[in-house]
Amino acid sequence: MRMTTTILALAATILSVAGCSDSNAPTPAVAGRYGLVSVNDQPIMLTLVDTPTLKVTVTDGALTLRANSTFTHELTLAVIANGFPGPAQQLSCGGTYSRSGNTLTMTGNETEQCSGITATGVLDGRTLTVSDDQGERLVFRR
């Protein structure tokens, strides 16, 4: 099934994280799995498309940052086409990141499903808030 631009942009969201500005402060570990909590201040079960013939809802999502400077962003979508629910759609995009202190700069791989867009964000304790270059605001929590 071919996804709309909005879904692809959301699925391909690539992050950059800014932390504490005190260069002498210890750098917290950033590697780990961050579950998607909200998109544009709307909690998950977020409907992306709702037309008479198609409804697409984000039911789950996560960002995994690895110690080897790679990441994966995953989304699970519920799709109802012409009134019939289909199997859940799993979308996954990845890339690499570099780290300078508490700041991470991430670069996504561009693929058929992933547009490789960029974003910036702030890690505050266990919460990662991200604003991408498509105007999306995503909140993840570890």
C-alpha atoms as a PDB file:
ATOM      1  CA  MET A   1       0.000   0.000   0.000  1.00  0.00           C
ATOM      2  CA  ARG A   2       1.353   3.423  -0.903  1.00  0.00           C
ATOM      3  CA  MET A   3       1.368   5.844   2.062  1.00  0.00           C
ATOM      4  CA  THR A   4       0.561   9.535   1.864  1.00  0.00           C
ATOM      5  CA  THR A   5       3.243  12.219   2.190  1.00  0.00           C
ATOM      6  CA  THR A   6       2.128  13.009   5.738  1.00  0.00           C
ATOM      7  CA  ILE A   7       2.603   9.397   6.819  1.00  0.00           C
ATOM      8  CA  LEU A   8       5.977   9.151   5.112  1.00  0.00           C
ATOM      9  CA  ALA A   9       7.146  12.400   6.705  1.00  0.00           C
ATOM     10  CA  LEU A  10       6.089  11.160  10.122  1.00  0.00           C
ATOM     11  CA  ALA A  11       7.621   7.733   9.557  1.00  0.00           C
ATOM     12  CA  ALA A  12      10.878   9.279   8.382  1.00  0.00           C
ATOM     13  CA  THR A  13      11.262  11.722  11.217  1.00  0.00           C
ATOM     14  CA  ILE A  14      14.935  11.974  12.029  1.00  0.00           C
ATOM     15  CA  LEU A  15      16.045  13.542  15.298  1.00  0.00           C
ATOM     16  CA  SER A  16      18.644  15.817  16.766  1.00  0.00           C
ATOM     17  CA  VAL A  17      18.827  16.073  20.540  1.00  0.00           C
ATOM     18  CA  ALA A  18      20.127  19.011  22.606  1.00  0.00           C
ATOM     19  CA  GLY A  19      20.814  18.537  26.307  1.00  0.00           C
ATOM     20  CA  CYS A  20      22.261  20.539  29.164  1.00  0.00           C
ATOM     21  CA  SER A  21      24.319  23.561  28.135  1.00  0.00           C
ATOM     22  CA  ASP A  22      26.862  23.182  31.004  1.00  0.00           C
ATOM     23  CA  SER A  23      29.905  21.682  29.232  1.00  0.00           C
ATOM     24  CA  ASN A  24      31.315  20.475  32.585  1.00  0.00           C
ATOM     25  CA  ALA A  25      28.175  18.548  33.516  1.00  0.00           C
ATOM     26  CA  PRO A  26      28.284  14.767  33.092  1.00  0.00           C
ATOM     27  CA  THR A  27      26.871  13.564  29.799  1.00  0.00           C
ATOM     28  CA  PRO A  28      23.902  11.244  30.362  1.00  0.00           C
ATOM     29  CA  ALA A  29      23.661   8.041  28.363  1.00  0.00           C
ATOM     30  CA  VAL A  30      21.271   8.587  25.464  1.00  0.00           C
ATOM     31  CA  ALA A  31      21.265   5.061  24.049  1.00  0.00           C
ATOM     32  CA  GLY A  32      18.008   3.218  24.576  1.00  0.00           C
ATOM     33  CA  ARG A  33      14.418   2.910  23.397  1.00  0.00           C
ATOM     34  CA  TYR A  34      12.108   5.947  23.566  1.00  0.00           C
ATOM     35  CA  GLY A  35       8.390   5.232  23.098  1.00  0.00           C
ATOM     36  CA  LEU A  36       6.278   7.696  21.101  1.00  0.00           C
ATOM     37  CA  VAL A  37       3.880   9.561  23.417  1.00  0.00           C
ATOM     38  CA  SER A  38       2.376  12.278  21.193  1.00  0.00           C
ATOM     39  CA  VAL A  39       2.511  13.987  17.799  1.00  0.00           C
ATOM     40  CA  ASN A  40       1.684  17.696  17.542  1.00  0.00           C
ATOM     41  CA  ASP A  41       0.452  17.609  21.152  1.00  0.00           C
ATOM     42  CA  GLN A  42      -2.082  14.864  20.292  1.00  0.00           C
ATOM     43  CA  PRO A  43      -1.685  11.600  22.231  1.00  0.00           C
ATOM     44  CA  ILE A  44      -1.114   8.348  20.444  1.00  0.00           C
ATOM     45  CA  MET A  45      -3.905   6.849  18.809  1.00  0.00           C
ATOM     46  CA  LEU A  46      -3.473   9.732  16.415  1.00  0.00           C
ATOM     47  CA  THR A  47      -5.462   9.676  13.164  1.00  0.00           C
ATOM     48  CA  LEU A  48      -3.344  10.921  10.261  1.00  0.00           C
ATOM     49  CA  VAL A  49      -5.837  10.374   7.433  1.00  0.00           C
ATOM     50  CA  ASP A  50      -9.632  10.224   7.794  1.00  0.00           C
ATOM     51  CA  THR A  51     -11.540  10.210   4.506  1.00  0.00           C
ATOM     52  CA  PRO A  52     -14.650   8.272   3.464  1.00  0.00           C
ATOM     53  CA  THR A  53     -12.439   5.581   1.879  1.00  0.00           C
ATOM     54  CA  LEU A  54      -9.283   5.599   4.032  1.00  0.00           C
ATOM     55  CA  LYS A  55      -8.472   5.984   7.721  1.00  0.00           C
ATOM     56  CA  VAL A  56      -4.878   5.714   8.968  1.00  0.00           C
ATOM     57  CA  THR A  57      -4.100   5.869  12.694  1.00  0.00           C
ATOM     58  CA  VAL A  58      -0.739   5.766  14.487  1.00  0.00           C
ATOM     59  CA  THR A  59      -1.127   3.138  17.220  1.00  0.00           C
ATOM     60  CA  ASP A  60       2.483   2.865  18.413  1.00  0.00           C
ATOM     61  CA  GLY A  61       5.930   4.198  17.718  1.00  0.00           C
ATOM     62  CA  ALA A  62       9.465   4.275  19.055  1.00  0.00           C
ATOM     63  CA  LEU A  63      12.910   5.718  18.538  1.00  0.00           C
ATOM     64  CA  THR A  64      15.864   3.480  19.385  1.00  0.00           C
ATOM     65  CA  LEU A  65      19.275   5.098  19.792  1.00  0.00           C
ATOM     66  CA  ARG A  66      22.191   2.633  19.825  1.00  0.00           C
ATOM     67  CA  ALA A  67      25.668   3.001  21.352  1.00  0.00           C
ATOM     68  CA  ASN A  68      27.212   2.427  17.883  1.00  0.00           C
ATOM     69  CA  SER A  69      25.757   5.790  16.683  1.00  0.00           C
ATOM     70  CA  THR A  70      22.869   4.314  14.694  1.00  0.00           C
ATOM     71  CA  PHE A  71      19.143   4.757  15.254  1.00  0.00           C
ATOM     72  CA  THR A  72      15.825   3.319  14.134  1.00  0.00           C
ATOM     73  CA  HIS A  73      12.457   5.103  14.136  1.00  0.00           C
ATOM     74  CA  GLU A  74       9.449   2.781  13.940  1.00  0.00           C
ATOM     75  CA  LEU A  75       5.707   3.344  13.599  1.00  0.00           C
ATOM     76  CA  THR A  76       2.748   0.990  13.727  1.00  0.00           C
ATOM     77  CA  LEU A  77      -0.281   2.119  11.709  1.00  0.00           C
ATOM     78  CA  ALA A  78      -3.847   0.840  11.716  1.00  0.00           C
ATOM     79  CA  VAL A  79      -5.357   1.117   8.233  1.00  0.00           C
ATOM     80  CA  ILE A  80      -9.053   0.913   7.331  1.00  0.00           C
ATOM     81  CA  ALA A  81      -9.667   0.985   3.564  1.00  0.00           C
ATOM     82  CA  ASN A  82     -13.211   1.171   2.197  1.00  0.00           C
ATOM     83  CA  GLY A  83     -14.570   0.238   5.635  1.00  0.00           C
ATOM     84  CA  PHE A  84     -12.412  -2.899   5.983  1.00  0.00           C
ATOM     85  CA  PRO A  85      -9.605  -3.015   8.542  1.00  0.00           C
ATOM     86  CA  GLY A  86      -6.360  -4.419   7.226  1.00  0.00           C
ATOM     87  CA  PRO A  87      -3.330  -5.824   9.012  1.00  0.00           C
ATOM     88  CA  ALA A  88      -1.221  -3.378  11.002  1.00  0.00           C
ATOM     89  CA  GLN A  89       1.394  -1.612   8.879  1.00  0.00           C
ATOM     90  CA  GLN A  90       4.933  -1.471  10.278  1.00  0.00           C
ATOM     91  CA  LEU A  91       7.135   1.367   9.029  1.00  0.00           C
ATOM     92  CA  SER A  92      10.802   1.635   9.948  1.00  0.00           C
ATOM     93  CA  CYS A  93      13.453   4.211   9.080  1.00  0.00           C
ATOM     94  CA  GLY A  94      17.008   4.452  10.307  1.00  0.00           C
ATOM     95  CA  GLY A  95      20.227   6.355  10.094  1.00  0.00           C
ATOM     96  CA  THR A  96      23.284   7.467  12.018  1.00  0.00           C
ATOM     97  CA  TYR A  97      23.964  10.105  14.631  1.00  0.00           C
ATOM     98  CA  SER A  98      26.990  11.913  15.979  1.00  0.00           C
ATOM     99  CA  ARG A  99      27.376  13.186  19.509  1.00  0.00           C
ATOM    100  CA  SER A 100      29.067  16.252  20.943  1.00  0.00           C
ATOM    101  CA  GLY A 101      28.482  16.384  24.683  1.00  0.00           C
ATOM    102  CA  ASN A 102      24.733  16.168  25.177  1.00  0.00           C
ATOM    103  CA  THR A 103      23.954  17.169  21.607  1.00  0.00           C
ATOM    104  CA  LEU A 104      23.202  14.562  18.967  1.00  0.00           C
ATOM    105  CA  THR A 105      22.947  15.278  15.256  1.00  0.00           C
ATOM    106  CA  MET A 106      21.135  12.563  13.363  1.00  0.00           C
ATOM    107  CA  THR A 107      21.075  11.872   9.649  1.00  0.00           C
ATOM    108  CA  GLY A 108      18.408   9.602   8.226  1.00  0.00           C
ATOM    109  CA  ASN A 109      18.814   7.168   5.385  1.00  0.00           C
ATOM    110  CA  GLU A 110      16.716   8.108   2.369  1.00  0.00           C
ATOM    111  CA  THR A 111      14.738   5.142   1.054  1.00  0.00           C
ATOM    112  CA  GLU A 112      11.419   4.499  -0.696  1.00  0.00           C
ATOM    113  CA  GLN A 113       9.570   4.831   2.651  1.00  0.00           C
ATOM    114  CA  CYS A 114      11.939   7.291   4.347  1.00  0.00           C
ATOM    115  CA  SER A 115      12.502  10.809   3.112  1.00  0.00           C
ATOM    116  CA  GLY A 116      15.547  11.492   5.311  1.00  0.00           C
ATOM    117  CA  ILE A 117      14.155  14.696   6.812  1.00  0.00           C
ATOM    118  CA  THR A 118      15.921  16.281   9.797  1.00  0.00           C
ATOM    119  CA  ALA A 119      14.770  17.578  13.174  1.00  0.00           C
ATOM    120  CA  THR A 120      15.972  19.086  16.417  1.00  0.00           C
ATOM    121  CA  GLY A 121      14.964  18.162  19.911  1.00  0.00           C
ATOM    122  CA  VAL A 122      15.625  18.456  23.607  1.00  0.00           C
ATOM    123  CA  LEU A 123      16.310  15.595  26.004  1.00  0.00           C
ATOM    124  CA  ASP A 124      14.908  16.475  29.437  1.00  0.00           C
ATOM    125  CA  GLY A 125      15.419  13.582  31.807  1.00  0.00           C
ATOM    126  CA  ARG A 126      13.556  10.670  30.228  1.00  0.00           C
ATOM    127  CA  THR A 127      11.566  12.812  27.757  1.00  0.00           C
ATOM    128  CA  LEU A 128      12.761  13.638  24.251  1.00  0.00           C
ATOM    129  CA  THR A 129      10.812  16.430  22.504  1.00  0.00           C
ATOM    130  CA  VAL A 130      11.465  16.795  18.782  1.00  0.00           C
ATOM    131  CA  SER A 131      10.473  19.345  16.127  1.00  0.00           C
ATOM    132  CA  ASP A 132      11.257  18.266  12.573  1.00  0.00           C
ATOM    133  CA  ASP A 133      11.756  20.296   9.409  1.00  0.00           C
ATOM    134  CA  GLN A 134       8.225  19.360   8.249  1.00  0.00           C
ATOM    135  CA  GLY A 135       6.641  21.171  11.232  1.00  0.00           C
ATOM    136  CA  GLU A 136       5.873  18.004  13.233  1.00  0.00           C
ATOM    137  CA  ARG A 137       6.402  17.952  17.012  1.00  0.00           C
ATOM    138  CA  LEU A 138       6.962  14.512  18.510  1.00  0.00           C
ATOM    139  CA  VAL A 139       7.396  13.563  22.154  1.00  0.00           C
ATOM    140  CA  PHE A 140       9.150  10.316  23.108  1.00  0.00           C
ATOM    141  CA  ARG A 141       9.674   8.921  26.604  1.00  0.00           C
ATOM    142  CA  ARG A 142      12.143   6.338  27.860  1.00  0.00           C
END
